[in-house]
Amino acid sequence: MKRLFILAVLALAACNPLASSTPTPSASEQEVVLMKAVKHYFQVFDQVRSTGNASLIDSVTDPDGVDRSNTQAFVLDQQAKHHLSITTHEIFTNWKFDIQGTQATVHYNYQASGYNIDPQTRQPLESEVTLKPELQLMQLRKHGADWLVFERDVLPQNA
């Protein structure tokens, strides 16, 4: 009798037009996905810093966004200064999310450690430095299953 009851409940749930075979992600699940997207962006950006290859950022940025051109400008500035950068440590804290359908804005504190290297010899040009924490804002757009960076800004600390 118990099995019959369970089968009846399962059959009713399967016939319910409002039932979904894939649950809608909760806000916390979406936030975790966005945190991973932000951290993955920085992993790729760290590769750009260490290689001088700005096109690497294309895989994690929105084609219509401004971050690609900002990254190009960053690489040109590095070339003008005759150095590349190695990031040794990154800290992300104080995450805040605003998710509106296929667009999201993420605020977080970001702090990095690293050093500059000579692009030819890849030898350090300085000792490791830890930068002051920055309040950053990242705007992302959803493309298929992926969140891509549209724009990234450093905000004043009182924002």
N, C-alpha and C. Protein backbone atom coordinates (compact mmCIF):
# COMPACT_ATOMS: atom_id res chain seq x y z
N MET A 1 0.81 -1.18 0.00
CA MET A 1 0.00 0.00 0.00
C MET A 1 0.87 1.26 0.00
N LYS A 2 1.96 1.22 0.77
CA LYS A 2 2.86 2.36 0.86
C LYS A 2 3.49 2.63 -0.51
N ARG A 3 3.89 1.57 -1.22
CA ARG A 3 4.49 1.72 -2.55
C ARG A 3 3.50 2.34 -3.51
N LEU A 4 2.25 1.92 -3.43
CA LEU A 4 1.21 2.45 -4.30
C LEU A 4 1.02 3.94 -4.07
N PHE A 5 1.06 4.34 -2.82
CA PHE A 5 0.92 5.77 -2.48
C PHE A 5 2.10 6.57 -3.06
N ILE A 6 3.31 6.06 -2.91
CA ILE A 6 4.51 6.75 -3.43
C ILE A 6 4.43 6.85 -4.95
N LEU A 7 4.02 5.77 -5.61
CA LEU A 7 3.88 5.80 -7.06
C LEU A 7 2.83 6.81 -7.50
N ALA A 8 1.74 6.90 -6.75
CA ALA A 8 0.69 7.86 -7.09
C ALA A 8 1.21 9.29 -6.96
N VAL A 9 1.95 9.57 -5.92
CA VAL A 9 2.51 10.91 -5.72
C VAL A 9 3.49 11.24 -6.84
N LEU A 10 4.32 10.29 -7.19
CA LEU A 10 5.29 10.51 -8.28
C LEU A 10 4.57 10.73 -9.61
N ALA A 11 3.51 9.98 -9.86
CA ALA A 11 2.77 10.13 -11.10
C ALA A 11 2.09 11.50 -11.16
N LEU A 12 1.51 11.94 -10.04
CA LEU A 12 0.89 13.26 -10.00
C LEU A 12 1.92 14.36 -10.23
N ALA A 13 3.08 14.22 -9.64
CA ALA A 13 4.13 15.23 -9.83
C ALA A 13 4.59 15.27 -11.28
N ALA A 14 4.69 14.12 -11.90
CA ALA A 14 5.13 14.06 -13.30
C ALA A 14 4.10 14.66 -14.24
N CYS A 15 2.83 14.56 -13.89
CA CYS A 15 1.76 15.09 -14.73
C CYS A 15 1.51 16.57 -14.49
N ASN A 16 2.06 17.13 -13.47
CA ASN A 16 1.84 18.54 -13.12
C ASN A 16 2.50 19.43 -14.16
N PRO A 17 1.74 20.28 -14.86
CA PRO A 17 2.34 21.14 -15.89
C PRO A 17 3.28 22.18 -15.30
N LEU A 18 3.19 22.44 -14.00
CA LEU A 18 4.08 23.41 -13.37
C LEU A 18 5.37 22.78 -12.88
N ALA A 19 5.43 21.46 -12.86
CA ALA A 19 6.64 20.79 -12.40
C ALA A 19 7.73 20.94 -13.45
N SER A 20 8.94 21.07 -12.99
CA SER A 20 10.07 21.25 -13.89
C SER A 20 11.06 20.12 -13.68
N SER A 21 11.59 19.60 -14.76
CA SER A 21 12.57 18.52 -14.64
C SER A 21 13.92 19.06 -14.19
N THR A 22 14.17 20.36 -14.41
CA THR A 22 15.40 20.97 -13.95
C THR A 22 15.03 22.10 -13.00
N PRO A 23 15.46 21.98 -11.75
CA PRO A 23 15.09 23.01 -10.79
C PRO A 23 15.74 24.35 -11.14
N THR A 24 15.02 25.42 -10.84
CA THR A 24 15.56 26.76 -11.04
C THR A 24 16.62 26.99 -9.98
N PRO A 25 17.80 27.47 -10.37
CA PRO A 25 18.84 27.66 -9.37
C PRO A 25 18.43 28.73 -8.36
N SER A 26 18.77 28.47 -7.12
CA SER A 26 18.49 29.47 -6.09
C SER A 26 19.47 30.63 -6.25
N ALA A 27 19.17 31.73 -5.58
CA ALA A 27 20.05 32.89 -5.67
C ALA A 27 21.46 32.53 -5.23
N SER A 28 21.59 31.70 -4.20
CA SER A 28 22.92 31.35 -3.73
C SER A 28 23.68 30.52 -4.77
N GLU A 29 22.98 29.66 -5.50
CA GLU A 29 23.64 28.89 -6.56
C GLU A 29 24.10 29.82 -7.68
N GLN A 30 23.28 30.79 -8.04
CA GLN A 30 23.68 31.76 -9.05
C GLN A 30 24.88 32.58 -8.57
N GLU A 31 24.88 32.93 -7.30
CA GLU A 31 26.00 33.69 -6.75
C GLU A 31 27.29 32.89 -6.80
N VAL A 32 27.21 31.60 -6.50
CA VAL A 32 28.40 30.73 -6.57
C VAL A 32 28.92 30.68 -8.00
N VAL A 33 28.02 30.56 -8.97
CA VAL A 33 28.41 30.53 -10.38
C VAL A 33 29.09 31.85 -10.76
N LEU A 34 28.53 32.97 -10.30
CA LEU A 34 29.12 34.27 -10.60
C LEU A 34 30.48 34.44 -9.93
N MET A 35 30.61 33.97 -8.69
CA MET A 35 31.92 34.04 -8.02
C MET A 35 32.97 33.26 -8.82
N LYS A 36 32.58 32.08 -9.29
CA LYS A 36 33.51 31.27 -10.10
C LYS A 36 33.87 31.99 -11.39
N ALA A 37 32.88 32.65 -12.02
CA ALA A 37 33.14 33.38 -13.27
C ALA A 37 34.12 34.53 -13.02
N VAL A 38 33.94 35.25 -11.91
CA VAL A 38 34.85 36.36 -11.59
C VAL A 38 36.25 35.82 -11.34
N LYS A 39 36.37 34.78 -10.55
CA LYS A 39 37.69 34.22 -10.25
C LYS A 39 38.35 33.64 -11.50
N HIS A 40 37.56 33.02 -12.37
CA HIS A 40 38.11 32.48 -13.63
C HIS A 40 38.60 33.63 -14.51
N TYR A 41 37.85 34.72 -14.55
CA TYR A 41 38.27 35.91 -15.31
C TYR A 41 39.67 36.34 -14.82
N PHE A 42 39.85 36.42 -13.51
CA PHE A 42 41.15 36.86 -12.99
C PHE A 42 42.26 35.85 -13.29
N GLN A 43 41.95 34.56 -13.32
CA GLN A 43 42.96 33.57 -13.71
C GLN A 43 43.43 33.84 -15.14
N VAL A 44 42.47 34.12 -16.02
CA VAL A 44 42.82 34.41 -17.41
C VAL A 44 43.56 35.75 -17.49
N PHE A 45 43.09 36.75 -16.76
CA PHE A 45 43.75 38.06 -16.77
C PHE A 45 45.19 37.94 -16.25
N ASP A 46 45.41 37.07 -15.27
CA ASP A 46 46.77 36.82 -14.78
C ASP A 46 47.65 36.25 -15.89
N GLN A 47 47.08 35.41 -16.75
CA GLN A 47 47.83 34.89 -17.90
C GLN A 47 48.15 36.01 -18.88
N VAL A 48 47.20 36.93 -19.07
CA VAL A 48 47.45 38.09 -19.94
C VAL A 48 48.61 38.90 -19.36
N ARG A 49 48.58 39.15 -18.06
CA ARG A 49 49.65 39.93 -17.41
C ARG A 49 51.02 39.27 -17.58
N SER A 50 51.05 37.95 -17.49
CA SER A 50 52.35 37.27 -17.52
C SER A 50 52.86 36.98 -18.93
N THR A 51 51.97 37.06 -19.94
CA THR A 51 52.39 36.76 -21.30
C THR A 51 52.37 37.97 -22.23
N GLY A 52 51.56 38.97 -21.88
CA GLY A 52 51.38 40.11 -22.78
C GLY A 52 50.45 39.82 -23.93
N ASN A 53 49.73 38.70 -23.87
CA ASN A 53 48.81 38.30 -24.94
C ASN A 53 47.38 38.69 -24.55
N ALA A 54 46.95 39.85 -25.01
CA ALA A 54 45.62 40.38 -24.65
C ALA A 54 44.49 39.54 -25.20
N SER A 55 44.71 38.80 -26.28
CA SER A 55 43.62 38.03 -26.88
C SER A 55 43.15 36.88 -25.98
N LEU A 56 43.94 36.52 -24.99
CA LEU A 56 43.51 35.46 -24.07
C LEU A 56 42.23 35.84 -23.34
N ILE A 57 42.02 37.14 -23.13
CA ILE A 57 40.86 37.62 -22.38
C ILE A 57 39.56 37.41 -23.14
N ASP A 58 39.65 37.20 -24.45
CA ASP A 58 38.44 37.05 -25.27
C ASP A 58 37.55 35.89 -24.81
N SER A 59 38.14 34.85 -24.25
CA SER A 59 37.35 33.68 -23.85
C SER A 59 36.46 33.94 -22.65
N VAL A 60 36.73 35.01 -21.89
CA VAL A 60 35.95 35.27 -20.67
C VAL A 60 35.26 36.64 -20.69
N THR A 61 35.28 37.31 -21.85
CA THR A 61 34.67 38.64 -21.93
C THR A 61 33.60 38.69 -23.01
N ASP A 62 32.61 39.53 -22.77
CA ASP A 62 31.51 39.76 -23.70
C ASP A 62 32.07 40.45 -24.95
N PRO A 63 31.74 39.95 -26.14
CA PRO A 63 32.25 40.57 -27.36
C PRO A 63 31.84 42.04 -27.51
N ASP A 64 30.72 42.43 -26.93
CA ASP A 64 30.25 43.82 -27.01
C ASP A 64 30.70 44.67 -25.83
N GLY A 65 31.39 44.07 -24.89
CA GLY A 65 31.80 44.79 -23.68
C GLY A 65 33.03 45.64 -23.89
N VAL A 66 33.35 46.41 -22.86
CA VAL A 66 34.50 47.30 -22.92
C VAL A 66 35.76 46.68 -22.31
N ASP A 67 35.62 45.52 -21.66
CA ASP A 67 36.79 44.96 -20.99
C ASP A 67 37.88 44.52 -21.97
N ARG A 68 37.51 44.08 -23.15
CA ARG A 68 38.52 43.67 -24.12
C ARG A 68 39.42 44.85 -24.51
N SER A 69 38.82 46.00 -24.77
CA SER A 69 39.64 47.16 -25.14
C SER A 69 40.44 47.66 -23.94
N ASN A 70 39.88 47.57 -22.74
CA ASN A 70 40.64 47.95 -21.55
C ASN A 70 41.85 47.04 -21.35
N THR A 71 41.67 45.76 -21.65
CA THR A 71 42.79 44.81 -21.52
C THR A 71 43.86 45.12 -22.57
N GLN A 72 43.44 45.44 -23.78
CA GLN A 72 44.41 45.84 -24.82
C GLN A 72 45.23 47.04 -24.35
N ALA A 73 44.56 48.03 -23.77
CA ALA A 73 45.26 49.23 -23.28
C ALA A 73 46.23 48.86 -22.16
N PHE A 74 45.82 47.96 -21.29
CA PHE A 74 46.69 47.51 -20.20
C PHE A 74 47.96 46.86 -20.75
N VAL A 75 47.81 45.98 -21.75
CA VAL A 75 48.96 45.29 -22.34
C VAL A 75 49.89 46.30 -23.04
N LEU A 76 49.33 47.27 -23.74
CA LEU A 76 50.17 48.30 -24.38
C LEU A 76 50.95 49.10 -23.34
N ASP A 77 50.31 49.38 -22.20
CA ASP A 77 51.00 50.08 -21.12
C ASP A 77 52.14 49.24 -20.56
N GLN A 78 51.90 47.94 -20.39
CA GLN A 78 52.96 47.05 -19.92
C GLN A 78 54.13 47.03 -20.91
N GLN A 79 53.80 46.97 -22.20
CA GLN A 79 54.86 46.96 -23.22
C GLN A 79 55.67 48.24 -23.18
N ALA A 80 55.00 49.37 -23.00
CA ALA A 80 55.69 50.66 -22.94
C ALA A 80 56.63 50.72 -21.74
N LYS A 81 56.26 50.04 -20.66
CA LYS A 81 57.09 50.03 -19.45
C LYS A 81 58.12 48.90 -19.48
N HIS A 82 58.10 48.08 -20.54
CA HIS A 82 59.03 46.96 -20.72
C HIS A 82 58.98 45.97 -19.56
N HIS A 83 57.77 45.60 -19.19
CA HIS A 83 57.64 44.55 -18.18
C HIS A 83 56.33 43.78 -18.36
N LEU A 84 56.31 42.62 -17.75
CA LEU A 84 55.12 41.80 -17.60
C LEU A 84 54.91 41.64 -16.09
N SER A 85 53.80 41.05 -15.70
CA SER A 85 53.51 40.92 -14.27
C SER A 85 53.14 39.49 -13.91
N ILE A 86 53.63 39.06 -12.78
CA ILE A 86 53.29 37.75 -12.24
C ILE A 86 52.44 37.98 -10.99
N THR A 87 51.27 37.38 -10.96
CA THR A 87 50.41 37.45 -9.79
C THR A 87 50.65 36.20 -8.96
N THR A 88 50.97 36.39 -7.68
CA THR A 88 51.28 35.25 -6.82
C THR A 88 50.13 34.89 -5.88
N HIS A 89 49.27 35.87 -5.58
CA HIS A 89 48.20 35.62 -4.63
C HIS A 89 47.07 36.62 -4.85
N GLU A 90 45.84 36.14 -4.75
CA GLU A 90 44.67 37.01 -4.87
C GLU A 90 43.69 36.70 -3.76
N ILE A 91 43.07 37.74 -3.22
CA ILE A 91 42.06 37.57 -2.17
C ILE A 91 40.80 38.30 -2.62
N PHE A 92 39.67 37.61 -2.53
CA PHE A 92 38.36 38.17 -2.84
C PHE A 92 37.52 38.11 -1.57
N THR A 93 36.90 39.23 -1.19
CA THR A 93 36.05 39.26 -0.01
C THR A 93 34.85 40.17 -0.25
N ASN A 94 33.91 40.12 0.68
CA ASN A 94 32.75 41.02 0.71
C ASN A 94 31.96 41.04 -0.60
N TRP A 95 31.56 39.88 -1.04
CA TRP A 95 30.81 39.73 -2.28
C TRP A 95 29.39 40.28 -2.13
N LYS A 96 28.92 41.00 -3.14
CA LYS A 96 27.54 41.47 -3.23
C LYS A 96 27.09 41.28 -4.67
N PHE A 97 25.84 40.83 -4.85
CA PHE A 97 25.33 40.47 -6.16
C PHE A 97 24.02 41.16 -6.47
N ASP A 98 23.87 41.57 -7.71
CA ASP A 98 22.59 42.06 -8.24
C ASP A 98 22.39 41.33 -9.57
N ILE A 99 21.47 40.36 -9.56
CA ILE A 99 21.24 39.52 -10.74
C ILE A 99 19.88 39.87 -11.32
N GLN A 100 19.89 40.29 -12.57
CA GLN A 100 18.66 40.65 -13.28
C GLN A 100 18.61 39.88 -14.59
N GLY A 101 18.07 38.67 -14.54
CA GLY A 101 17.97 37.84 -15.75
C GLY A 101 19.34 37.45 -16.28
N THR A 102 19.68 37.96 -17.46
CA THR A 102 20.95 37.61 -18.11
C THR A 102 22.04 38.65 -17.86
N GLN A 103 21.81 39.54 -16.91
CA GLN A 103 22.81 40.54 -16.54
C GLN A 103 23.04 40.48 -15.04
N ALA A 104 24.28 40.68 -14.65
CA ALA A 104 24.61 40.66 -13.23
C ALA A 104 25.67 41.71 -12.95
N THR A 105 25.56 42.29 -11.77
CA THR A 105 26.58 43.20 -11.27
C THR A 105 27.10 42.61 -9.97
N VAL A 106 28.41 42.49 -9.88
CA VAL A 106 29.03 41.89 -8.70
C VAL A 106 30.01 42.91 -8.11
N HIS A 107 29.86 43.17 -6.82
CA HIS A 107 30.80 44.01 -6.08
C HIS A 107 31.63 43.08 -5.18
N TYR A 108 32.90 43.38 -5.02
CA TYR A 108 33.77 42.58 -4.17
C TYR A 108 35.02 43.38 -3.86
N ASN A 109 35.69 43.01 -2.78
CA ASN A 109 37.01 43.58 -2.48
C ASN A 109 38.04 42.63 -3.09
N TYR A 110 39.07 43.22 -3.69
CA TYR A 110 40.10 42.44 -4.38
C TYR A 110 41.46 42.94 -3.93
N GLN A 111 42.32 42.00 -3.58
CA GLN A 111 43.69 42.35 -3.22
C GLN A 111 44.62 41.33 -3.88
N ALA A 112 45.68 41.84 -4.50
CA ALA A 112 46.61 40.97 -5.21
C ALA A 112 48.04 41.21 -4.73
N SER A 113 48.83 40.16 -4.85
CA SER A 113 50.27 40.22 -4.61
C SER A 113 50.96 39.74 -5.88
N GLY A 114 52.14 40.29 -6.13
CA GLY A 114 52.89 39.86 -7.29
C GLY A 114 54.11 40.73 -7.52
N TYR A 115 54.68 40.59 -8.71
CA TYR A 115 55.88 41.35 -9.05
C TYR A 115 55.99 41.45 -10.56
N ASN A 116 56.75 42.44 -11.01
CA ASN A 116 57.00 42.63 -12.44
C ASN A 116 58.22 41.83 -12.86
N ILE A 117 58.18 41.38 -14.12
CA ILE A 117 59.29 40.62 -14.67
C ILE A 117 59.72 41.24 -16.00
N ASP A 118 60.95 40.96 -16.38
CA ASP A 118 61.46 41.35 -17.69
C ASP A 118 60.83 40.43 -18.74
N PRO A 119 60.24 40.99 -19.81
CA PRO A 119 59.58 40.14 -20.80
C PRO A 119 60.53 39.19 -21.54
N GLN A 120 61.80 39.56 -21.67
CA GLN A 120 62.75 38.72 -22.39
C GLN A 120 63.32 37.61 -21.50
N THR A 121 63.83 38.00 -20.34
CA THR A 121 64.50 37.03 -19.47
C THR A 121 63.54 36.36 -18.50
N ARG A 122 62.37 36.97 -18.29
CA ARG A 122 61.37 36.52 -17.33
C ARG A 122 61.89 36.55 -15.90
N GLN A 123 62.94 37.32 -15.67
CA GLN A 123 63.49 37.48 -14.33
C GLN A 123 62.76 38.60 -13.60
N PRO A 124 62.62 38.48 -12.27
CA PRO A 124 61.94 39.53 -11.51
C PRO A 124 62.66 40.88 -11.62
N LEU A 125 61.87 41.93 -11.73
CA LEU A 125 62.41 43.29 -11.75
C LEU A 125 62.26 43.96 -10.39
N GLU A 126 61.58 43.30 -9.48
CA GLU A 126 61.31 43.86 -8.15
C GLU A 126 60.96 42.72 -7.20
N SER A 127 60.91 43.06 -5.94
CA SER A 127 60.43 42.10 -4.94
C SER A 127 58.91 42.02 -5.01
N GLU A 128 58.38 40.96 -4.47
CA GLU A 128 56.93 40.80 -4.44
C GLU A 128 56.29 41.95 -3.65
N VAL A 129 55.18 42.44 -4.19
CA VAL A 129 54.44 43.56 -3.59
C VAL A 129 53.00 43.12 -3.38
N THR A 130 52.42 43.52 -2.25
CA THR A 130 51.00 43.30 -2.01
C THR A 130 50.30 44.65 -2.13
N LEU A 131 49.37 44.73 -3.05
CA LEU A 131 48.64 45.97 -3.28
C LEU A 131 47.56 46.17 -2.22
N LYS A 132 47.13 47.40 -2.05
CA LYS A 132 46.04 47.69 -1.13
C LYS A 132 44.76 47.06 -1.67
N PRO A 133 43.84 46.66 -0.80
CA PRO A 133 42.56 46.13 -1.28
C PRO A 133 41.80 47.20 -2.05
N GLU A 134 41.11 46.75 -3.11
CA GLU A 134 40.30 47.64 -3.94
C GLU A 134 38.86 47.15 -3.93
N LEU A 135 37.93 48.08 -3.91
CA LEU A 135 36.53 47.74 -4.13
C LEU A 135 36.31 47.74 -5.63
N GLN A 136 35.88 46.59 -6.16
CA GLN A 136 35.68 46.47 -7.60
C GLN A 136 34.23 46.13 -7.91
N LEU A 137 33.84 46.52 -9.10
CA LEU A 137 32.51 46.23 -9.64
C LEU A 137 32.72 45.54 -10.97
N MET A 138 32.05 44.42 -11.15
CA MET A 138 32.14 43.71 -12.42
C MET A 138 30.73 43.51 -12.96
N GLN A 139 30.54 43.92 -14.21
CA GLN A 139 29.27 43.68 -14.88
C GLN A 139 29.46 42.49 -15.81
N LEU A 140 28.54 41.54 -15.72
CA LEU A 140 28.61 40.33 -16.53
C LEU A 140 27.32 40.15 -17.31
N ARG A 141 27.43 39.46 -18.45
CA ARG A 141 26.29 39.14 -19.28
C ARG A 141 26.31 37.63 -19.52
N LYS A 142 25.14 37.03 -19.51
CA LYS A 142 25.07 35.58 -19.72
C LYS A 142 24.99 35.29 -21.20
N HIS A 143 25.86 34.39 -21.65
CA HIS A 143 25.90 33.92 -23.03
C HIS A 143 25.80 32.40 -22.97
N GLY A 144 24.63 31.87 -23.29
CA GLY A 144 24.43 30.43 -23.15
C GLY A 144 24.52 30.07 -21.68
N ALA A 145 25.42 29.16 -21.33
CA ALA A 145 25.59 28.75 -19.94
C ALA A 145 26.67 29.56 -19.23
N ASP A 146 27.38 30.42 -19.97
CA ASP A 146 28.53 31.14 -19.39
C ASP A 146 28.21 32.59 -19.07
N TRP A 147 28.76 33.07 -17.97
CA TRP A 147 28.73 34.49 -17.63
C TRP A 147 30.03 35.09 -18.13
N LEU A 148 29.94 36.11 -19.00
CA LEU A 148 31.12 36.77 -19.56
C LEU A 148 31.19 38.20 -19.03
N VAL A 149 32.41 38.67 -18.82
CA VAL A 149 32.62 40.00 -18.27
C VAL A 149 32.36 41.05 -19.35
N PHE A 150 31.51 42.00 -19.01
CA PHE A 150 31.22 43.13 -19.88
C PHE A 150 32.15 44.29 -19.53
N GLU A 151 32.28 44.56 -18.24
CA GLU A 151 33.11 45.67 -17.79
C GLU A 151 33.55 45.42 -16.36
N ARG A 152 34.74 45.93 -16.04
CA ARG A 152 35.27 45.85 -14.67
C ARG A 152 35.79 47.22 -14.29
N ASP A 153 35.41 47.68 -13.11
CA ASP A 153 35.85 49.00 -12.64
C ASP A 153 36.34 48.91 -11.20
N VAL A 154 37.30 49.76 -10.89
CA VAL A 154 37.73 49.95 -9.51
C VAL A 154 36.94 51.14 -8.98
N LEU A 155 36.30 50.95 -7.83
CA LEU A 155 35.46 51.99 -7.25
C LEU A 155 36.17 52.69 -6.10
N PRO A 156 35.79 53.92 -5.83
CA PRO A 156 36.33 54.58 -4.64
C PRO A 156 35.94 53.77 -3.39
N GLN A 157 36.78 53.76 -2.38
CA GLN A 157 36.54 52.95 -1.20
C GLN A 157 35.27 53.32 -0.44
N ASN A 158 34.75 54.53 -0.62
CA ASN A 158 33.54 54.91 0.10
C ASN A 158 32.28 54.63 -0.71
N ALA A 159 32.40 53.92 -1.83
CA ALA A 159 31.21 53.62 -2.68
C ALA A 159 30.39 52.50 -2.08
